[in-house]
């Protein structure tokens, strides 16, 4: 693991931040990162989300209800 200086970990874009303010934002960001679940819930699908074009007829009327 490499050590990094405070200047390279957090960068203040506008204004001046005190060390206490940098510590506060670091604590908030670390708390948010720890609160997030490690794995995203997976969504299970029972049917395919795509259509098999070879199973559709060659012509579909413009007023058809099929799509």
PDB file of N, CA and C in Angstrom:
ATOM      1  N   UNK A   1       0.852  -1.172   0.000  1.00  0.00           N
ATOM      2  CA  UNK A   1       0.000   0.000   0.000  1.00  0.00           C
ATOM      3  C   UNK A   1       0.892   1.228   0.000  1.00  0.00           C
ATOM      4  N   UNK A   2       0.528   2.199  -0.769  1.00  0.00           N
ATOM      5  CA  UNK A   2       1.332   3.409  -0.849  1.00  0.00           C
ATOM      6  C   UNK A   2       0.745   4.480   0.044  1.00  0.00           C
ATOM      7  N   UNK A   3       1.604   5.337   0.530  1.00  0.00           N
ATOM      8  CA  UNK A   3       1.122   6.460   1.331  1.00  0.00           C
ATOM      9  C   UNK A   3       0.983   7.666   0.429  1.00  0.00           C
ATOM     10  N   UNK A   4      -0.041   8.444   0.670  1.00  0.00           N
ATOM     11  CA  UNK A   4      -0.295   9.629  -0.144  1.00  0.00           C
ATOM     12  C   UNK A   4      -0.408  10.838   0.765  1.00  0.00           C
ATOM     13  N   UNK A   5       0.009  11.948   0.282  1.00  0.00           N
ATOM     14  CA  UNK A   5      -0.121  13.173   1.065  1.00  0.00           C
ATOM     15  C   UNK A   5      -1.555  13.672   1.007  1.00  0.00           C
ATOM     16  N   UNK A   6      -1.887  14.561   1.921  1.00  0.00           N
ATOM     17  CA  UNK A   6      -3.254  15.087   1.976  1.00  0.00           C
ATOM     18  C   UNK A   6      -3.597  15.870   0.717  1.00  0.00           C
ATOM     19  N   UNK A   7      -2.608  16.454   0.075  1.00  0.00           N
ATOM     20  CA  UNK A   7      -2.880  17.228  -1.128  1.00  0.00           C
ATOM     21  C   UNK A   7      -3.343  16.344  -2.281  1.00  0.00           C
ATOM     22  N   UNK A   8      -2.876  15.110  -2.332  1.00  0.00           N
ATOM     23  CA  UNK A   8      -3.245  14.250  -3.450  1.00  0.00           C
ATOM     24  C   UNK A   8      -4.524  13.461  -3.194  1.00  0.00           C
ATOM     25  N   UNK A   9      -4.941  13.333  -1.944  1.00  0.00           N
ATOM     26  CA  UNK A   9      -6.151  12.573  -1.639  1.00  0.00           C
ATOM     27  C   UNK A   9      -7.391  13.438  -1.840  1.00  0.00           C
ATOM     28  N   UNK A  10      -7.373  14.632  -1.299  1.00  0.00           N
ATOM     29  CA  UNK A  10      -8.488  15.568  -1.447  1.00  0.00           C
ATOM     30  C   UNK A  10      -7.967  16.857  -2.062  1.00  0.00           C
ATOM     31  N   UNK A  11      -8.751  17.408  -2.958  1.00  0.00           N
ATOM     32  CA  UNK A  11      -8.357  18.660  -3.594  1.00  0.00           C
ATOM     33  C   UNK A  11      -9.496  19.661  -3.441  1.00  0.00           C
ATOM     34  N   UNK A  12      -9.187  20.829  -2.939  1.00  0.00           N
ATOM     35  CA  UNK A  12     -10.170  21.896  -2.782  1.00  0.00           C
ATOM     36  C   UNK A  12     -10.177  22.701  -4.069  1.00  0.00           C
ATOM     37  N   UNK A  13     -11.317  22.749  -4.727  1.00  0.00           N
ATOM     38  CA  UNK A  13     -11.427  23.446  -6.006  1.00  0.00           C
ATOM     39  C   UNK A  13     -11.549  24.955  -5.835  1.00  0.00           C
ATOM     40  N   UNK A  14     -12.268  25.383  -4.812  1.00  0.00           N
ATOM     41  CA  UNK A  14     -12.500  26.811  -4.646  1.00  0.00           C
ATOM     42  C   UNK A  14     -12.493  27.127  -3.156  1.00  0.00           C
ATOM     43  N   UNK A  15     -11.769  28.142  -2.772  1.00  0.00           N
ATOM     44  CA  UNK A  15     -11.713  28.538  -1.372  1.00  0.00           C
ATOM     45  C   UNK A  15     -10.594  27.830  -0.637  1.00  0.00           C
ATOM     46  N   UNK A  16     -10.561  28.025   0.671  1.00  0.00           N
ATOM     47  CA  UNK A  16      -9.539  27.417   1.520  1.00  0.00           C
ATOM     48  C   UNK A  16     -10.220  26.533   2.554  1.00  0.00           C
ATOM     49  N   UNK A  17      -9.737  25.330   2.703  1.00  0.00           N
ATOM     50  CA  UNK A  17     -10.310  24.405   3.673  1.00  0.00           C
ATOM     51  C   UNK A  17      -9.327  24.201   4.819  1.00  0.00           C
ATOM     52  N   UNK A  18      -9.841  24.283   6.031  1.00  0.00           N
ATOM     53  CA  UNK A  18      -9.028  24.012   7.215  1.00  0.00           C
ATOM     54  C   UNK A  18      -8.838  22.507   7.351  1.00  0.00           C
ATOM     55  N   UNK A  19      -7.846  22.077   8.108  1.00  0.00           N
ATOM     56  CA  UNK A  19      -7.677  20.635   8.342  1.00  0.00           C
ATOM     57  C   UNK A  19      -8.904  19.992   8.992  1.00  0.00           C
ATOM     58  N   UNK A  20      -9.612  20.747   9.849  1.00  0.00           N
ATOM     59  CA  UNK A  20     -10.820  20.202  10.479  1.00  0.00           C
ATOM     60  C   UNK A  20     -11.917  19.964   9.440  1.00  0.00           C
ATOM     61  N   UNK A  21     -12.035  20.868   8.479  1.00  0.00           N
ATOM     62  CA  UNK A  21     -13.037  20.706   7.427  1.00  0.00           C
ATOM     63  C   UNK A  21     -12.699  19.527   6.525  1.00  0.00           C
ATOM     64  N   UNK A  22     -11.426  19.359   6.219  1.00  0.00           N
ATOM     65  CA  UNK A  22     -11.017  18.205   5.414  1.00  0.00           C
ATOM     66  C   UNK A  22     -11.268  16.905   6.171  1.00  0.00           C
ATOM     67  N   UNK A  23     -11.023  16.915   7.481  1.00  0.00           N
ATOM     68  CA  UNK A  23     -11.285  15.723   8.285  1.00  0.00           C
ATOM     69  C   UNK A  23     -12.774  15.418   8.327  1.00  0.00           C
ATOM     70  N   UNK A  24     -13.605  16.454   8.402  1.00  0.00           N
ATOM     71  CA  UNK A  24     -15.053  16.245   8.448  1.00  0.00           C
ATOM     72  C   UNK A  24     -15.568  15.661   7.140  1.00  0.00           C
ATOM     73  N   UNK A  25     -15.132  16.197   6.013  1.00  0.00           N
ATOM     74  CA  UNK A  25     -15.612  15.673   4.727  1.00  0.00           C
ATOM     75  C   UNK A  25     -15.076  14.266   4.485  1.00  0.00           C
ATOM     76  N   UNK A  26     -13.866  14.002   4.952  1.00  0.00           N
ATOM     77  CA  UNK A  26     -13.319  12.649   4.832  1.00  0.00           C
ATOM     78  C   UNK A  26     -14.138  11.667   5.655  1.00  0.00           C
ATOM     79  N   UNK A  27     -14.519  12.062   6.868  1.00  0.00           N
ATOM     80  CA  UNK A  27     -15.331  11.185   7.712  1.00  0.00           C
ATOM     81  C   UNK A  27     -16.689  10.915   7.080  1.00  0.00           C
ATOM     82  N   UNK A  28     -17.294  11.938   6.489  1.00  0.00           N
ATOM     83  CA  UNK A  28     -18.599  11.764   5.838  1.00  0.00           C
ATOM     84  C   UNK A  28     -18.484  10.827   4.644  1.00  0.00           C
ATOM     85  N   UNK A  29     -17.463  11.017   3.823  1.00  0.00           N
ATOM     86  CA  UNK A  29     -17.295  10.163   2.645  1.00  0.00           C
ATOM     87  C   UNK A  29     -17.006   8.718   3.033  1.00  0.00           C
ATOM     88  N   UNK A  30     -16.194   8.518   4.057  1.00  0.00           N
ATOM     89  CA  UNK A  30     -15.912   7.149   4.506  1.00  0.00           C
ATOM     90  C   UNK A  30     -17.151   6.494   5.108  1.00  0.00           C
ATOM     91  N   UNK A  31     -17.966   7.267   5.833  1.00  0.00           N
ATOM     92  CA  UNK A  31     -19.198   6.714   6.402  1.00  0.00           C
ATOM     93  C   UNK A  31     -20.178   6.324   5.305  1.00  0.00           C
ATOM     94  N   UNK A  32     -20.279   7.151   4.274  1.00  0.00           N
ATOM     95  CA  UNK A  32     -21.172   6.812   3.149  1.00  0.00           C
ATOM     96  C   UNK A  32     -20.679   5.583   2.405  1.00  0.00           C
ATOM     97  N   UNK A  33     -19.385   5.479   2.218  1.00  0.00           N
ATOM     98  CA  UNK A  33     -18.839   4.317   1.514  1.00  0.00           C
ATOM     99  C   UNK A  33     -19.049   3.049   2.325  1.00  0.00           C
ATOM    100  N   UNK A  34     -18.960   3.140   3.635  1.00  0.00           N
ATOM    101  CA  UNK A  34     -19.154   1.965   4.481  1.00  0.00           C
ATOM    102  C   UNK A  34     -20.624   1.576   4.565  1.00  0.00           C
ATOM    103  N   UNK A  35     -21.527   2.524   4.397  1.00  0.00           N
ATOM    104  CA  UNK A  35     -22.958   2.244   4.515  1.00  0.00           C
ATOM    105  C   UNK A  35     -23.528   1.592   3.271  1.00  0.00           C
ATOM    106  N   UNK A  36     -22.865   1.709   2.137  1.00  0.00           N
ATOM    107  CA  UNK A  36     -23.381   1.137   0.902  1.00  0.00           C
ATOM    108  C   UNK A  36     -23.182  -0.372   0.903  1.00  0.00           C
ATOM    109  N   UNK A  37     -24.134  -1.115   0.355  1.00  0.00           N
ATOM    110  CA  UNK A  37     -23.967  -2.570   0.282  1.00  0.00           C
ATOM    111  C   UNK A  37     -22.808  -2.932  -0.633  1.00  0.00           C
ATOM    112  N   UNK A  38     -22.147  -4.026  -0.297  1.00  0.00           N
ATOM    113  CA  UNK A  38     -20.979  -4.428  -1.080  1.00  0.00           C
ATOM    114  C   UNK A  38     -21.375  -5.005  -2.428  1.00  0.00           C
ATOM    115  N   UNK A  39     -22.502  -5.690  -2.506  1.00  0.00           N
ATOM    116  CA  UNK A  39     -22.944  -6.258  -3.775  1.00  0.00           C
ATOM    117  C   UNK A  39     -24.309  -5.680  -4.126  1.00  0.00           C
ATOM    118  N   UNK A  40     -24.472  -5.382  -5.360  1.00  0.00           N
ATOM    119  CA  UNK A  40     -25.754  -4.871  -5.829  1.00  0.00           C
ATOM    120  C   UNK A  40     -26.737  -6.033  -5.958  1.00  0.00           C
ATOM    121  N   UNK A  41     -27.990  -5.808  -5.630  1.00  0.00           N
ATOM    122  CA  UNK A  41     -28.966  -6.888  -5.790  1.00  0.00           C
ATOM    123  C   UNK A  41     -29.139  -7.234  -7.267  1.00  0.00           C
ATOM    124  N   UNK A  42     -29.143  -8.505  -7.549  1.00  0.00           N
ATOM    125  CA  UNK A  42     -29.302  -8.941  -8.933  1.00  0.00           C
ATOM    126  C   UNK A  42     -30.777  -9.142  -9.235  1.00  0.00           C
ATOM    127  N   UNK A  43     -31.161  -8.773 -10.424  1.00  0.00           N
ATOM    128  CA  UNK A  43     -32.546  -8.901 -10.850  1.00  0.00           C
ATOM    129  C   UNK A  43     -32.664 -10.141 -11.717  1.00  0.00           C
ATOM    130  N   UNK A  44     -33.522 -11.036 -11.328  1.00  0.00           N
ATOM    131  CA  UNK A  44     -33.706 -12.281 -12.056  1.00  0.00           C
ATOM    132  C   UNK A  44     -34.850 -12.111 -13.040  1.00  0.00           C
ATOM    133  N   UNK A  45     -34.595 -12.480 -14.282  1.00  0.00           N
ATOM    134  CA  UNK A  45     -35.637 -12.412 -15.309  1.00  0.00           C
ATOM    135  C   UNK A  45     -36.061 -13.825 -15.677  1.00  0.00           C
ATOM    136  N   UNK A  46     -37.354 -13.987 -15.833  1.00  0.00           N
ATOM    137  CA  UNK A  46     -37.877 -15.287 -16.221  1.00  0.00           C
ATOM    138  C   UNK A  46     -37.974 -15.436 -17.733  1.00  0.00           C
ATOM    139  N   UNK A  47     -38.109 -14.331 -18.425  1.00  0.00           N
ATOM    140  CA  UNK A  47     -38.228 -14.382 -19.876  1.00  0.00           C
ATOM    141  C   UNK A  47     -37.134 -13.536 -20.509  1.00  0.00           C
ATOM    142  N   UNK A  48     -36.878 -13.809 -21.749  1.00  0.00           N
ATOM    143  CA  UNK A  48     -35.860 -13.049 -22.469  1.00  0.00           C
ATOM    144  C   UNK A  48     -36.357 -11.630 -22.725  1.00  0.00           C
ATOM    145  N   UNK A  49     -35.444 -10.681 -22.693  1.00  0.00           N
ATOM    146  CA  UNK A  49     -35.807  -9.290 -22.918  1.00  0.00           C
ATOM    147  C   UNK A  49     -35.741  -8.919 -24.395  1.00  0.00           C
ATOM    148  N   UNK A  50     -35.352  -9.837 -25.229  1.00  0.00           N
ATOM    149  CA  UNK A  50     -35.225  -9.554 -26.647  1.00  0.00           C
ATOM    150  C   UNK A  50     -36.200 -10.429 -27.428  1.00  0.00           C
ATOM    151  N   UNK A  51     -36.485 -10.019 -28.651  1.00  0.00           N
ATOM    152  CA  UNK A  51     -37.409 -10.773 -29.504  1.00  0.00           C
ATOM    153  C   UNK A  51     -36.621 -11.621 -30.479  1.00  0.00           C
ATOM    154  N   UNK A  52     -37.119 -12.779 -30.779  1.00  0.00           N
ATOM    155  CA  UNK A  52     -36.499 -13.622 -31.801  1.00  0.00           C
ATOM    156  C   UNK A  52     -37.163 -13.290 -33.123  1.00  0.00           C
ATOM    157  N   UNK A  53     -36.422 -12.593 -33.960  1.00  0.00           N
ATOM    158  CA  UNK A  53     -36.996 -12.091 -35.204  1.00  0.00           C
ATOM    159  C   UNK A  53     -37.356 -13.212 -36.167  1.00  0.00           C
ATOM    160  N   UNK A  54     -36.714 -14.363 -36.056  1.00  0.00           N
ATOM    161  CA  UNK A  54     -37.050 -15.446 -36.978  1.00  0.00           C
ATOM    162  C   UNK A  54     -38.415 -16.056 -36.663  1.00  0.00           C
ATOM    163  N   UNK A  55     -38.965 -15.776 -35.491  1.00  0.00           N
ATOM    164  CA  UNK A  55     -40.278 -16.313 -35.140  1.00  0.00           C
ATOM    165  C   UNK A  55     -41.409 -15.343 -35.463  1.00  0.00           C
ATOM    166  N   UNK A  56     -41.099 -14.174 -35.936  1.00  0.00           N
ATOM    167  CA  UNK A  56     -42.145 -13.216 -36.291  1.00  0.00           C
ATOM    168  C   UNK A  56     -42.433 -13.323 -37.781  1.00  0.00           C
ATOM    169  N   UNK A  57     -43.650 -13.019 -38.178  1.00  0.00           N
ATOM    170  CA  UNK A  57     -43.952 -13.067 -39.608  1.00  0.00           C
ATOM    171  C   UNK A  57     -43.179 -11.981 -40.353  1.00  0.00           C
ATOM    172  N   UNK A  58     -43.065 -12.161 -41.639  1.00  0.00           N
ATOM    173  CA  UNK A  58     -42.296 -11.233 -42.446  1.00  0.00           C
ATOM    174  C   UNK A  58     -42.904  -9.851 -42.553  1.00  0.00           C
ATOM    175  N   UNK A  59     -44.214  -9.753 -42.463  1.00  0.00           N
ATOM    176  CA  UNK A  59     -44.865  -8.456 -42.611  1.00  0.00           C
ATOM    177  C   UNK A  59     -45.806  -8.241 -41.442  1.00  0.00           C
ATOM    178  N   UNK A  60     -45.752  -7.066 -40.874  1.00  0.00           N
ATOM    179  CA  UNK A  60     -46.675  -6.697 -39.813  1.00  0.00           C
ATOM    180  C   UNK A  60     -47.402  -5.441 -40.261  1.00  0.00           C
ATOM    181  N   UNK A  61     -48.704  -5.499 -40.272  1.00  0.00           N
ATOM    182  CA  UNK A  61     -49.499  -4.365 -40.725  1.00  0.00           C
ATOM    183  C   UNK A  61     -49.277  -3.160 -39.808  1.00  0.00           C
ATOM    184  N   UNK A  62     -49.307  -1.947 -40.360  1.00  0.00           N
ATOM    185  CA  UNK A  62     -49.069  -0.763 -39.539  1.00  0.00           C
ATOM    186  C   UNK A  62     -50.119  -0.554 -38.453  1.00  0.00           C
ATOM    187  N   UNK A  63     -51.313  -1.091 -38.631  1.00  0.00           N
ATOM    188  CA  UNK A  63     -52.361  -0.936 -37.629  1.00  0.00           C
ATOM    189  C   UNK A  63     -52.442  -2.149 -36.698  1.00  0.00           C
ATOM    190  N   UNK A  64     -51.445  -2.994 -36.734  1.00  0.00           N
ATOM    191  CA  UNK A  64     -51.466  -4.219 -35.946  1.00  0.00           C
ATOM    192  C   UNK A  64     -51.288  -3.925 -34.458  1.00  0.00           C
ATOM    193  N   UNK A  65     -51.886  -4.737 -33.622  1.00  0.00           N
ATOM    194  CA  UNK A  65     -51.780  -4.585 -32.181  1.00  0.00           C
ATOM    195  C   UNK A  65     -50.476  -5.182 -31.654  1.00  0.00           C
ATOM    196  N   UNK A  66     -49.720  -5.865 -32.491  1.00  0.00           N
ATOM    197  CA  UNK A  66     -48.542  -6.586 -32.016  1.00  0.00           C
ATOM    198  C   UNK A  66     -47.322  -5.699 -31.827  1.00  0.00           C
ATOM    199  N   UNK A  67     -47.389  -4.487 -32.187  1.00  0.00           N
ATOM    200  CA  UNK A  67     -46.282  -3.724 -31.821  1.00  0.00           C
ATOM    201  C   UNK A  67     -45.626  -2.707 -32.545  1.00  0.00           C
TER     202      UNK A  67
END
